[in-house]
Amino acid sequence: MATLSSGSSRRLVQYVIVRSDLIHTLSWPLGAVITQACHAATAAIHLHYSDSDTQEYLAELDSMHKVVLQAPDEASLSALASSLLEKDIAHKLWMEQPENIPTCLALKPYPKDAVQPFLKKFKLFK
């Protein structure tokens, strides 16, 4: 995967995008949804563990920064995953098993300015 860089900011952020319809429409328990986000974030870190931004992010253990955004539904989350793939932005689309349902997506840590433009249409998770 390509390493994106932005000279203006080195604030490393891990973005996690969660389907809000899991709670508001499908009535999943909050804990189950939080678990999906944890799985995706952990998997993205694991898959990109040797990446220099990931290593820098983990080195600052007590000041890691995550932003959790909401996607309204499965279609919007899948569209985001496709868009990120096209742009070579490293991420993990988490699929709940055995149902094979996409529930959330986590990017590897990136400089905030490098990936924020791709996530502008997603609001903070509520």
C-alpha atoms as a PDB file:
ATOM      1  CA  MET A   1       0.000   0.000   0.000  1.00  0.00           C
ATOM      2  CA  ALA A   2       1.166   3.511  -0.700  1.00  0.00           C
ATOM      3  CA  THR A   3       2.141   5.687   2.191  1.00  0.00           C
ATOM      4  CA  LEU A   4       0.293   8.965   2.068  1.00  0.00           C
ATOM      5  CA  SER A   5       2.030  11.933   3.559  1.00  0.00           C
ATOM      6  CA  SER A   6       1.121  15.454   4.304  1.00  0.00           C
ATOM      7  CA  GLY A   7       3.842  17.879   5.158  1.00  0.00           C
ATOM      8  CA  SER A   8       1.527  20.172   7.127  1.00  0.00           C
ATOM      9  CA  SER A   9       0.498  17.771   9.878  1.00  0.00           C
ATOM     10  CA  ARG A  10       2.021  14.752  11.537  1.00  0.00           C
ATOM     11  CA  ARG A  11      -0.883  14.164  13.867  1.00  0.00           C
ATOM     12  CA  LEU A  12      -1.478  10.466  13.395  1.00  0.00           C
ATOM     13  CA  VAL A  13      -5.070   9.336  13.626  1.00  0.00           C
ATOM     14  CA  GLN A  14      -6.779   5.998  13.238  1.00  0.00           C
ATOM     15  CA  TYR A  15     -10.221   6.464  11.732  1.00  0.00           C
ATOM     16  CA  VAL A  16     -12.926   3.896  12.450  1.00  0.00           C
ATOM     17  CA  ILE A  17     -16.208   4.070  10.510  1.00  0.00           C
ATOM     18  CA  VAL A  18     -19.134   2.156  11.993  1.00  0.00           C
ATOM     19  CA  ARG A  19     -22.547   1.478  10.478  1.00  0.00           C
ATOM     20  CA  SER A  20     -25.060   3.464  12.550  1.00  0.00           C
ATOM     21  CA  ASP A  21     -27.993   1.421  11.242  1.00  0.00           C
ATOM     22  CA  LEU A  22     -26.742  -1.534  13.282  1.00  0.00           C
ATOM     23  CA  ILE A  23     -28.000   0.272  16.381  1.00  0.00           C
ATOM     24  CA  HIS A  24     -30.750   2.555  15.080  1.00  0.00           C
ATOM     25  CA  THR A  25     -32.443   0.226  12.570  1.00  0.00           C
ATOM     26  CA  LEU A  26     -31.287  -3.322  13.263  1.00  0.00           C
ATOM     27  CA  SER A  27     -31.303  -2.920  17.078  1.00  0.00           C
ATOM     28  CA  TRP A  28     -27.888  -4.446  17.748  1.00  0.00           C
ATOM     29  CA  PRO A  29     -26.761  -4.050  21.369  1.00  0.00           C
ATOM     30  CA  LEU A  30     -24.307  -1.169  21.831  1.00  0.00           C
ATOM     31  CA  GLY A  31     -21.667  -3.531  23.195  1.00  0.00           C
ATOM     32  CA  ALA A  32     -21.833  -5.689  20.073  1.00  0.00           C
ATOM     33  CA  VAL A  33     -21.296  -2.630  17.860  1.00  0.00           C
ATOM     34  CA  ILE A  34     -18.379  -1.425  19.976  1.00  0.00           C
ATOM     35  CA  THR A  35     -16.878  -4.902  19.671  1.00  0.00           C
ATOM     36  CA  GLN A  36     -17.048  -4.668  15.866  1.00  0.00           C
ATOM     37  CA  ALA A  37     -15.139  -1.373  15.968  1.00  0.00           C
ATOM     38  CA  CYS A  38     -12.516  -2.885  18.278  1.00  0.00           C
ATOM     39  CA  HIS A  39     -12.072  -5.860  15.942  1.00  0.00           C
ATOM     40  CA  ALA A  40     -11.636  -3.596  12.899  1.00  0.00           C
ATOM     41  CA  ALA A  41      -9.169  -1.254  14.626  1.00  0.00           C
ATOM     42  CA  THR A  42      -7.087  -4.139  15.957  1.00  0.00           C
ATOM     43  CA  ALA A  43      -7.096  -5.904  12.576  1.00  0.00           C
ATOM     44  CA  ALA A  44      -6.006  -2.739  10.735  1.00  0.00           C
ATOM     45  CA  ILE A  45      -3.106  -2.284  13.177  1.00  0.00           C
ATOM     46  CA  HIS A  46      -2.141  -5.949  12.840  1.00  0.00           C
ATOM     47  CA  LEU A  47      -2.262  -5.950   9.033  1.00  0.00           C
ATOM     48  CA  HIS A  48      -0.107  -2.811   8.833  1.00  0.00           C
ATOM     49  CA  TYR A  49       2.059  -3.382  11.890  1.00  0.00           C
ATOM     50  CA  SER A  50       5.365  -2.835  10.083  1.00  0.00           C
ATOM     51  CA  ASP A  51       4.196   0.440   8.479  1.00  0.00           C
ATOM     52  CA  SER A  52       6.203   3.421   9.750  1.00  0.00           C
ATOM     53  CA  ASP A  53       3.093   5.473  10.619  1.00  0.00           C
ATOM     54  CA  THR A  54       1.646   2.519  12.545  1.00  0.00           C
ATOM     55  CA  GLN A  55       4.892   2.103  14.466  1.00  0.00           C
ATOM     56  CA  GLU A  56       5.007   5.820  15.297  1.00  0.00           C
ATOM     57  CA  TYR A  57       1.336   5.720  16.371  1.00  0.00           C
ATOM     58  CA  LEU A  58       1.961   2.743  18.676  1.00  0.00           C
ATOM     59  CA  ALA A  59       5.106   4.334  20.120  1.00  0.00           C
ATOM     60  CA  GLU A  60       2.908   7.092  21.546  1.00  0.00           C
ATOM     61  CA  LEU A  61       0.727   4.594  23.404  1.00  0.00           C
ATOM     62  CA  ASP A  62      -0.732   7.032  25.919  1.00  0.00           C
ATOM     63  CA  SER A  63      -1.606   9.634  23.297  1.00  0.00           C
ATOM     64  CA  MET A  64      -3.086   7.525  20.481  1.00  0.00           C
ATOM     65  CA  HIS A  65      -5.858   9.375  18.668  1.00  0.00           C
ATOM     66  CA  LYS A  66      -8.865   7.641  17.134  1.00  0.00           C
ATOM     67  CA  VAL A  67     -11.873   9.198  15.446  1.00  0.00           C
ATOM     68  CA  VAL A  68     -15.059   7.134  15.198  1.00  0.00           C
ATOM     69  CA  LEU A  69     -17.370   8.126  12.376  1.00  0.00           C
ATOM     70  CA  GLN A  70     -20.724   6.742  11.283  1.00  0.00           C
ATOM     71  CA  ALA A  71     -21.814   5.330   7.965  1.00  0.00           C
ATOM     72  CA  PRO A  72     -25.598   5.241   7.588  1.00  0.00           C
ATOM     73  CA  ASP A  73     -25.809   1.724   6.157  1.00  0.00           C
ATOM     74  CA  GLU A  74     -24.074  -1.222   4.518  1.00  0.00           C
ATOM     75  CA  ALA A  75     -24.130   0.357   1.051  1.00  0.00           C
ATOM     76  CA  SER A  76     -22.317   3.515   2.181  1.00  0.00           C
ATOM     77  CA  LEU A  77     -19.718   1.513   4.124  1.00  0.00           C
ATOM     78  CA  SER A  78     -19.091  -0.757   1.133  1.00  0.00           C
ATOM     79  CA  ALA A  79     -18.827   2.261  -1.187  1.00  0.00           C
ATOM     80  CA  LEU A  80     -16.262   3.806   1.156  1.00  0.00           C
ATOM     81  CA  ALA A  81     -14.263   0.567   1.207  1.00  0.00           C
ATOM     82  CA  SER A  82     -14.225   0.501  -2.609  1.00  0.00           C
ATOM     83  CA  SER A  83     -13.179   4.145  -2.797  1.00  0.00           C
ATOM     84  CA  LEU A  84     -10.350   3.645  -0.295  1.00  0.00           C
ATOM     85  CA  LEU A  85      -9.174   0.590  -2.202  1.00  0.00           C
ATOM     86  CA  GLU A  86      -9.075   2.591  -5.452  1.00  0.00           C
ATOM     87  CA  LYS A  87      -7.021   5.296  -3.724  1.00  0.00           C
ATOM     88  CA  ASP A  88      -4.660   2.725  -2.162  1.00  0.00           C
ATOM     89  CA  ILE A  89      -5.551   3.788   1.371  1.00  0.00           C
ATOM     90  CA  ALA A  90      -4.787   0.951   3.782  1.00  0.00           C
ATOM     91  CA  HIS A  91      -7.801  -0.220   5.762  1.00  0.00           C
ATOM     92  CA  LYS A  92      -9.663  -3.268   7.009  1.00  0.00           C
ATOM     93  CA  LEU A  93     -13.344  -3.803   6.260  1.00  0.00           C
ATOM     94  CA  TRP A  94     -14.574  -5.880   9.187  1.00  0.00           C
ATOM     95  CA  MET A  95     -17.014  -8.650   8.267  1.00  0.00           C
ATOM     96  CA  GLU A  96     -19.097 -10.174  11.058  1.00  0.00           C
ATOM     97  CA  GLN A  97     -19.005 -13.957  10.813  1.00  0.00           C
ATOM     98  CA  PRO A  98     -20.608 -16.338  10.138  1.00  0.00           C
ATOM     99  CA  GLU A  99     -23.164 -13.986   8.568  1.00  0.00           C
ATOM    100  CA  ASN A 100     -20.501 -12.273   6.405  1.00  0.00           C
ATOM    101  CA  ILE A 101     -21.985  -8.829   7.121  1.00  0.00           C
ATOM    102  CA  PRO A 102     -19.756  -5.733   6.748  1.00  0.00           C
ATOM    103  CA  THR A 103     -20.116  -3.846  10.024  1.00  0.00           C
ATOM    104  CA  CYS A 104     -17.297  -1.320  10.153  1.00  0.00           C
ATOM    105  CA  LEU A 105     -14.045  -0.246   8.626  1.00  0.00           C
ATOM    106  CA  ALA A 106     -10.804   0.949  10.183  1.00  0.00           C
ATOM    107  CA  LEU A 107      -7.913   2.700   8.476  1.00  0.00           C
ATOM    108  CA  LYS A 108      -4.355   2.112   9.554  1.00  0.00           C
ATOM    109  CA  PRO A 109      -2.991   5.189  11.337  1.00  0.00           C
ATOM    110  CA  TYR A 110      -2.354   8.049   8.906  1.00  0.00           C
ATOM    111  CA  PRO A 111      -1.488  11.721   9.219  1.00  0.00           C
ATOM    112  CA  LYS A 112      -4.883  13.326   9.739  1.00  0.00           C
ATOM    113  CA  ASP A 113      -4.618  15.697   6.772  1.00  0.00           C
ATOM    114  CA  ALA A 114      -3.752  12.830   4.400  1.00  0.00           C
ATOM    115  CA  VAL A 115      -7.046  10.951   4.789  1.00  0.00           C
ATOM    116  CA  GLN A 116      -9.578  13.376   6.259  1.00  0.00           C
ATOM    117  CA  PRO A 117     -10.668  14.598   2.787  1.00  0.00           C
ATOM    118  CA  PHE A 118     -11.830  11.073   1.908  1.00  0.00           C
ATOM    119  CA  LEU A 119     -13.994  10.905   5.032  1.00  0.00           C
ATOM    120  CA  LYS A 120     -15.625  14.366   4.956  1.00  0.00           C
ATOM    121  CA  LYS A 121     -19.137  13.083   4.308  1.00  0.00           C
ATOM    122  CA  PHE A 122     -19.138  10.908   7.458  1.00  0.00           C
ATOM    123  CA  LYS A 123     -20.156  12.471  10.784  1.00  0.00           C
ATOM    124  CA  LEU A 124     -18.961  11.599  14.262  1.00  0.00           C
ATOM    125  CA  PHE A 125     -20.622   8.423  15.535  1.00  0.00           C
ATOM    126  CA  LYS A 126     -23.573   9.026  17.839  1.00  0.00           C
END
